[in-house]
């Protein structure tokens, strides 16, 4: 089908006239879920290889180091390379026919823009969970609410952007029927 980029004078008011449809939250969630399954399989394989090479980790500090050094970078590299090299789509996004483009709509995502989007998504969704239960009930509540609010933000946003879309100046468009 292919992606039709918005005209250069594109604004939110002219989106419908230009034929631009923002991806729905459900399609975005399903695409992220499929990508999480792929990343989870990669991490599962790597963790089992590490289990043979490195003795099992008994304390939380070592597990935190493994998460920061191995698990989080896999998700960041996966999303960055897919978005920058596969025309703004991860495999999950491709299956659901949605595409990430720059807000201005001029061409594909650059590698720095894809990296910014991937890193900010990983920080906003995963990093707060590392603090859960460490500093009391109020912090634990905030730690749960931050990723929840970040992921459900497209339900109240005019362009259906998540916080990492705002940070990286990207928007996810519905690619069906273009």
Protein backbone atom coordinates (compact mmCIF):
# COMPACT_ATOMS: atom_id res chain seq x y z
CA UNK A 1 0.00 0.00 0.00
CA UNK A 2 2.77 2.42 0.90
CA UNK A 3 2.85 5.49 3.04
CA UNK A 4 1.56 8.78 1.72
CA UNK A 5 3.26 11.56 3.61
CA UNK A 6 1.24 14.59 4.62
CA UNK A 7 1.73 17.73 2.52
CA UNK A 8 4.27 20.24 3.75
CA UNK A 9 1.53 22.58 5.01
CA UNK A 10 0.07 19.81 7.17
CA UNK A 11 -1.55 20.83 10.45
CA UNK A 12 -3.78 19.00 12.89
CA UNK A 13 -6.81 20.83 11.48
CA UNK A 14 -6.09 19.69 7.94
CA UNK A 15 -5.20 16.09 8.86
CA UNK A 16 -8.53 14.62 7.79
CA UNK A 17 -8.57 16.65 4.59
CA UNK A 18 -5.06 15.46 3.77
CA UNK A 19 -6.08 11.84 4.31
CA UNK A 20 -3.86 11.41 7.36
CA UNK A 21 -5.19 9.04 10.00
CA UNK A 22 -3.47 8.67 13.32
CA UNK A 23 -3.05 5.09 14.52
CA UNK A 24 -5.54 4.02 17.16
CA UNK A 25 -4.40 3.19 20.67
CA UNK A 26 -5.47 -0.44 20.25
CA UNK A 27 -3.38 -0.91 17.09
CA UNK A 28 -0.40 0.72 18.79
CA UNK A 29 -0.82 -1.49 21.85
CA UNK A 30 -1.10 -4.65 19.75
CA UNK A 31 2.01 -3.70 17.76
CA UNK A 32 3.95 -3.02 20.95
CA UNK A 33 2.77 -6.34 22.38
CA UNK A 34 4.00 -8.24 19.30
CA UNK A 35 7.33 -6.43 19.47
CA UNK A 36 7.58 -7.20 23.18
CA UNK A 37 7.15 -10.90 22.35
CA UNK A 38 10.00 -10.71 19.82
CA UNK A 39 12.27 -8.80 22.22
CA UNK A 40 11.29 -11.19 25.02
CA UNK A 41 12.36 -14.19 22.94
CA UNK A 42 15.71 -12.54 22.18
CA UNK A 43 16.23 -11.69 25.85
CA UNK A 44 15.20 -15.21 26.89
CA UNK A 45 17.80 -16.75 24.60
CA UNK A 46 20.52 -14.37 25.76
CA UNK A 47 19.67 -14.90 29.44
CA UNK A 48 19.97 -18.67 29.01
CA UNK A 49 23.33 -18.28 27.29
CA UNK A 50 24.44 -16.04 30.14
CA UNK A 51 23.24 -18.63 32.67
CA UNK A 52 25.79 -21.07 31.28
CA UNK A 53 28.61 -18.54 31.14
CA UNK A 54 27.97 -16.57 34.33
CA UNK A 55 26.89 -18.14 37.63
CA UNK A 56 23.31 -17.35 38.72
CA UNK A 57 22.76 -13.99 40.32
CA UNK A 58 21.67 -14.21 43.93
CA UNK A 59 21.28 -10.57 44.91
CA UNK A 60 19.19 -7.72 43.55
CA UNK A 61 22.14 -5.48 42.74
CA UNK A 62 23.62 -7.97 40.31
CA UNK A 63 20.21 -8.52 38.70
CA UNK A 64 19.86 -4.73 38.32
CA UNK A 65 23.25 -4.54 36.63
CA UNK A 66 22.28 -7.31 34.20
CA UNK A 67 19.03 -5.51 33.42
CA UNK A 68 20.77 -2.20 32.73
CA UNK A 69 23.69 -3.74 30.83
CA UNK A 70 21.91 -6.43 28.80
CA UNK A 71 18.10 -6.40 28.82
CA UNK A 72 17.31 -2.69 28.31
CA UNK A 73 19.87 -2.18 25.50
CA UNK A 74 18.37 -5.08 23.53
CA UNK A 75 14.96 -3.37 23.45
CA UNK A 76 16.53 0.00 22.59
CA UNK A 77 18.68 -1.40 19.77
CA UNK A 78 15.77 -3.45 18.37
CA UNK A 79 13.39 -0.49 18.24
CA UNK A 80 16.02 1.95 16.96
CA UNK A 81 17.23 -0.24 14.12
CA UNK A 82 13.73 -1.27 13.08
CA UNK A 83 12.36 2.29 13.07
CA UNK A 84 15.36 3.79 11.28
CA UNK A 85 16.01 1.03 8.75
CA UNK A 86 12.54 -0.45 8.08
CA UNK A 87 10.83 2.79 7.01
CA UNK A 88 9.47 3.66 10.46
CA UNK A 89 8.06 0.23 11.28
CA UNK A 90 8.95 -2.53 13.67
CA UNK A 91 7.75 -6.04 12.75
CA UNK A 92 4.75 -5.59 15.07
CA UNK A 93 3.89 -2.26 13.49
CA UNK A 94 4.22 -3.75 10.02
CA UNK A 95 1.79 -6.56 10.84
CA UNK A 96 -0.77 -4.03 12.08
CA UNK A 97 -0.12 -1.56 9.25
CA UNK A 98 0.96 1.42 11.32
CA UNK A 99 4.05 3.56 10.78
CA UNK A 100 6.10 6.03 12.79
CA UNK A 101 7.01 9.23 10.95
CA UNK A 102 8.44 12.60 11.92
CA UNK A 103 5.81 15.13 12.99
CA UNK A 104 6.74 17.38 10.10
CA UNK A 105 6.15 14.47 7.71
CA UNK A 106 9.32 14.92 5.70
CA UNK A 107 10.77 11.48 4.92
CA UNK A 108 11.82 8.68 7.20
CA UNK A 109 12.97 8.72 10.80
CA UNK A 110 16.64 9.48 11.23
CA UNK A 111 18.81 7.24 13.37
CA UNK A 112 19.11 9.89 16.16
CA UNK A 113 15.36 10.46 16.15
CA UNK A 114 14.65 6.70 16.30
CA UNK A 115 17.21 6.33 19.11
CA UNK A 116 15.67 9.21 21.06
CA UNK A 117 12.21 7.66 20.74
CA UNK A 118 13.44 4.18 21.76
CA UNK A 119 15.53 5.39 24.69
CA UNK A 120 12.82 7.65 26.09
CA UNK A 121 10.24 4.84 25.80
CA UNK A 122 12.53 2.44 27.66
CA UNK A 123 13.27 5.02 30.37
CA UNK A 124 9.62 5.98 30.85
CA UNK A 125 8.30 2.40 30.85
CA UNK A 126 11.04 0.33 32.50
CA UNK A 127 13.23 2.55 34.63
CA UNK A 128 10.51 3.53 37.13
CA UNK A 129 9.77 -0.13 37.78
CA UNK A 130 13.31 -0.58 39.09
CA UNK A 131 12.38 1.69 42.01
CA UNK A 132 9.23 -0.22 42.96
CA UNK A 133 9.17 -1.07 46.67
CA UNK A 134 12.43 0.69 47.50
CA UNK A 135 11.35 4.03 48.96
CA UNK A 136 7.93 3.49 50.49
CA UNK A 137 4.33 3.31 49.37
CA UNK A 138 4.04 6.80 47.84
CA UNK A 139 7.06 6.31 45.56
CA UNK A 140 5.80 2.84 44.62
CA UNK A 141 2.45 4.33 43.65
CA UNK A 142 4.13 6.98 41.50
CA UNK A 143 6.36 4.33 39.95
CA UNK A 144 3.29 2.43 38.81
CA UNK A 145 1.41 5.53 37.64
CA UNK A 146 4.17 7.02 35.46
CA UNK A 147 4.39 4.15 32.92
CA UNK A 148 0.61 3.72 33.06
CA UNK A 149 0.01 7.40 32.27
CA UNK A 150 2.72 7.45 29.60
CA UNK A 151 1.28 4.51 27.73
CA UNK A 152 -2.35 5.56 27.94
CA UNK A 153 -1.60 9.19 27.00
CA UNK A 154 -2.66 8.69 23.33
CA UNK A 155 -6.25 8.26 24.51
CA UNK A 156 -6.36 11.96 25.46
CA UNK A 157 -3.84 13.41 22.98
CA UNK A 158 -5.05 15.13 19.79
CA UNK A 159 -2.40 13.43 17.64
CA UNK A 160 -2.56 10.19 19.67
CA UNK A 161 1.10 10.58 20.65
CA UNK A 162 2.74 8.91 23.62
CA UNK A 163 5.23 10.82 25.74
CA UNK A 164 8.14 9.30 23.81
CA UNK A 165 6.52 10.46 20.57
CA UNK A 166 6.42 13.99 21.98
CA UNK A 167 10.06 13.77 23.08
CA UNK A 168 11.26 12.51 19.67
CA UNK A 169 8.83 14.64 17.60
CA UNK A 170 7.22 11.62 15.94
CA UNK A 171 3.68 10.53 15.21
CA UNK A 172 2.28 7.06 14.45
CA UNK A 173 0.01 6.92 11.42
CA UNK A 174 -2.45 4.34 10.20
CA UNK A 175 -0.99 2.89 6.99
CA UNK A 176 -4.08 0.99 5.79
CA UNK A 177 -5.56 1.91 2.45
CA UNK A 178 -3.08 4.61 1.47
